[in-house]
Amino acid sequence: MSETFWSFSCRFYQLPGVAAACLALQDENGADVNLLLFALWAAARGRRLEESELAAAEQIARPWRENVTEKLRAARRAMKVPPAGYDAAGMEALRRKVLEDELEAERLQQEAMAAGLGGDAGTAMVEAAQGNLRGYQAMLGRTLGAEPLERLMEAFAASEVA
């Protein structure tokens, strides 16, 4: 049985340069990190995603991302510097709890996205990853940052999955 989407994401995200690349694509390019990871997870399974599969994943992800995950992220980031008069230790404890909730929201989003994807296929993994990332950019209607995408592809190609 192939690796779950969440397991893949947790392992891949820890590889050198991946977290920074994902955050740059999210914060500077408006990319959904879970959709980027979905494209790479599918590729690790030998799946070249069809436009309809990417669109379906985005349709599942968007309402949750906009109504839950982004709000949790914004709240967590707002707590980085406690306002005057607030207990810094208490704020940091709350910030850690919100981070846990944000990660659980990400996991639930990934679970919903993965449920709609069929089984493994036979496309070469690096080729599938490149195609899936191009497909994601096409769906967005814009090109994402070349350097962070290159870092993701380098990590993917060098990892055990590819």
Protein backbone atom coordinates (compact mmCIF):
# COMPACT_ATOMS: atom_id res chain seq x y z
CA MET A 1 0.00 0.00 0.00
CA SER A 2 1.33 3.43 -0.86
CA GLU A 3 2.15 6.07 1.73
CA THR A 4 -0.75 8.22 2.93
CA PHE A 5 -0.88 11.83 1.78
CA TRP A 6 -0.36 13.12 5.34
CA SER A 7 2.61 10.80 6.00
CA PHE A 8 4.19 11.82 2.70
CA SER A 9 3.66 15.52 3.47
CA CYS A 10 5.13 15.34 6.97
CA ARG A 11 8.20 13.48 5.72
CA PHE A 12 8.70 15.56 2.56
CA TYR A 13 8.19 18.90 4.37
CA GLN A 14 11.13 18.11 6.67
CA LEU A 15 13.60 17.69 3.80
CA PRO A 16 16.17 20.49 3.46
CA GLY A 17 14.76 23.55 1.72
CA VAL A 18 11.21 22.22 1.35
CA ALA A 19 9.56 24.18 4.17
CA ALA A 20 11.15 27.44 3.01
CA ALA A 21 10.13 26.78 -0.61
CA CYS A 22 6.56 25.93 0.38
CA LEU A 23 6.22 29.03 2.57
CA ALA A 24 7.65 31.25 -0.19
CA LEU A 25 5.17 29.81 -2.68
CA GLN A 26 2.34 30.31 -0.17
CA ASP A 27 3.23 33.77 1.14
CA GLU A 28 4.71 35.33 -2.00
CA ASN A 29 2.72 33.54 -4.71
CA GLY A 30 -0.60 32.65 -3.08
CA ALA A 31 -0.14 28.91 -3.63
CA ASP A 32 -1.92 26.35 -1.49
CA VAL A 33 0.84 24.23 0.04
CA ASN A 34 -1.53 21.29 0.34
CA LEU A 35 -2.21 21.40 -3.41
CA LEU A 36 1.53 21.55 -4.12
CA LEU A 37 2.07 18.57 -1.84
CA PHE A 38 -0.93 16.80 -3.40
CA ALA A 39 0.68 17.18 -6.83
CA LEU A 40 3.93 15.71 -5.52
CA TRP A 41 2.25 12.92 -3.53
CA ALA A 42 0.32 11.86 -6.61
CA ALA A 43 3.57 11.91 -8.58
CA ALA A 44 5.24 9.74 -5.93
CA ARG A 45 2.46 7.25 -6.67
CA GLY A 46 3.22 7.49 -10.38
CA ARG A 47 0.15 9.61 -11.05
CA ARG A 48 0.11 12.38 -13.65
CA LEU A 49 -2.95 14.36 -12.57
CA GLU A 50 -5.60 15.31 -15.08
CA GLU A 51 -6.86 18.89 -15.12
CA SER A 52 -10.16 17.62 -13.70
CA GLU A 53 -8.37 15.94 -10.76
CA LEU A 54 -6.53 19.14 -9.87
CA ALA A 55 -9.75 21.13 -10.20
CA ALA A 56 -11.58 18.64 -7.96
CA ALA A 57 -8.83 18.88 -5.32
CA GLU A 58 -9.00 22.68 -5.46
CA GLN A 59 -12.79 22.60 -5.17
CA ILE A 60 -12.48 20.46 -2.04
CA ALA A 61 -9.65 22.55 -0.60
CA ARG A 62 -10.79 26.13 -1.26
CA PRO A 63 -13.72 26.52 1.17
CA TRP A 64 -11.83 24.80 3.99
CA ARG A 65 -8.66 26.77 3.29
CA GLU A 66 -10.48 30.12 3.17
CA ASN A 67 -12.86 29.54 6.09
CA VAL A 68 -10.69 27.53 8.47
CA THR A 69 -6.99 27.09 7.73
CA GLU A 70 -6.20 30.66 6.66
CA LYS A 71 -8.07 32.06 9.66
CA LEU A 72 -6.15 29.81 12.05
CA ARG A 73 -2.87 30.77 10.34
CA ALA A 74 -3.70 34.48 10.58
CA ALA A 75 -4.58 34.14 14.27
CA ARG A 76 -1.37 32.21 14.97
CA ARG A 77 0.77 34.74 13.13
CA ALA A 78 -0.94 37.63 14.95
CA MET A 79 0.22 36.11 18.23
CA LYS A 80 3.93 36.20 17.35
CA VAL A 81 4.28 39.49 19.20
CA PRO A 82 1.92 39.81 22.17
CA PRO A 83 0.10 43.12 22.43
CA ALA A 84 1.06 45.40 25.31
CA GLY A 85 -0.40 44.19 28.56
CA TYR A 86 -0.72 40.53 27.51
CA ASP A 87 1.18 37.74 29.21
CA ALA A 88 3.89 36.65 26.74
CA ALA A 89 4.10 33.09 28.09
CA GLY A 90 0.32 32.70 27.97
CA MET A 91 0.21 34.06 24.42
CA GLU A 92 2.95 31.64 23.33
CA ALA A 93 1.06 28.70 24.87
CA LEU A 94 -2.09 29.77 23.03
CA ARG A 95 -0.09 30.23 19.82
CA ARG A 96 1.20 26.63 20.10
CA LYS A 97 -2.38 25.36 20.58
CA VAL A 98 -3.54 27.28 17.51
CA LEU A 99 -0.61 25.79 15.55
CA GLU A 100 -1.78 22.31 16.55
CA ASP A 101 -5.29 23.17 15.37
CA GLU A 102 -3.92 24.62 12.12
CA LEU A 103 -1.98 21.40 11.46
CA GLU A 104 -5.07 19.32 12.20
CA ALA A 105 -7.03 21.48 9.75
CA GLU A 106 -4.32 20.83 7.14
CA ARG A 107 -4.49 17.08 7.82
CA LEU A 108 -8.28 17.06 7.44
CA GLN A 109 -7.97 18.99 4.17
CA GLN A 110 -5.43 16.49 2.88
CA GLU A 111 -7.61 13.57 3.89
CA ALA A 112 -10.55 15.01 1.94
CA MET A 113 -8.37 15.72 -1.10
CA ALA A 114 -6.83 12.24 -1.10
CA ALA A 115 -10.20 10.51 -0.89
CA GLY A 116 -11.02 11.58 -4.43
CA LEU A 117 -7.83 10.29 -6.03
CA GLY A 118 -7.70 6.84 -7.59
CA GLY A 119 -4.93 4.30 -7.21
CA ASP A 120 -1.32 4.33 -8.25
CA ALA A 121 -0.35 4.55 -11.92
CA GLY A 122 2.75 3.97 -14.00
CA THR A 123 4.15 7.38 -14.92
CA ALA A 124 7.79 8.10 -14.01
CA MET A 125 7.71 10.01 -10.73
CA VAL A 126 9.86 13.02 -11.62
CA GLU A 127 8.06 13.40 -14.95
CA ALA A 128 4.70 13.19 -13.16
CA ALA A 129 5.83 15.74 -10.56
CA GLN A 130 6.91 18.24 -13.21
CA GLY A 131 3.65 17.75 -15.09
CA ASN A 132 1.53 18.02 -11.95
CA LEU A 133 3.21 21.25 -10.87
CA ARG A 134 2.77 22.70 -14.37
CA GLY A 135 -0.88 21.63 -14.23
CA TYR A 136 -1.35 23.35 -10.88
CA GLN A 137 0.13 26.58 -12.25
CA ALA A 138 -2.11 26.33 -15.32
CA MET A 139 -5.13 25.89 -13.06
CA LEU A 140 -4.08 29.00 -11.13
CA GLY A 141 -3.61 30.88 -14.37
CA ARG A 142 -0.18 32.14 -13.34
CA THR A 143 3.40 31.04 -12.94
CA LEU A 144 4.67 30.47 -9.42
CA GLY A 145 8.15 31.37 -8.22
CA ALA A 146 10.71 29.47 -10.28
CA GLU A 147 13.33 29.22 -7.53
CA PRO A 148 11.09 27.68 -4.83
CA LEU A 149 9.55 25.31 -7.39
CA GLU A 150 13.03 24.25 -8.42
CA ARG A 151 13.91 23.59 -4.76
CA LEU A 152 10.79 21.42 -4.41
CA MET A 153 11.67 19.45 -7.52
CA GLU A 154 15.29 18.99 -6.39
CA ALA A 155 14.12 17.68 -3.01
CA PHE A 156 11.55 15.43 -4.68
CA ALA A 157 14.03 14.01 -7.18
CA ALA A 158 16.64 13.41 -4.45
CA SER A 159 14.19 11.90 -1.96
CA GLU A 160 13.47 8.22 -1.50
CA VAL A 161 10.13 8.50 -3.31
CA ALA A 162 11.48 9.49 -6.72
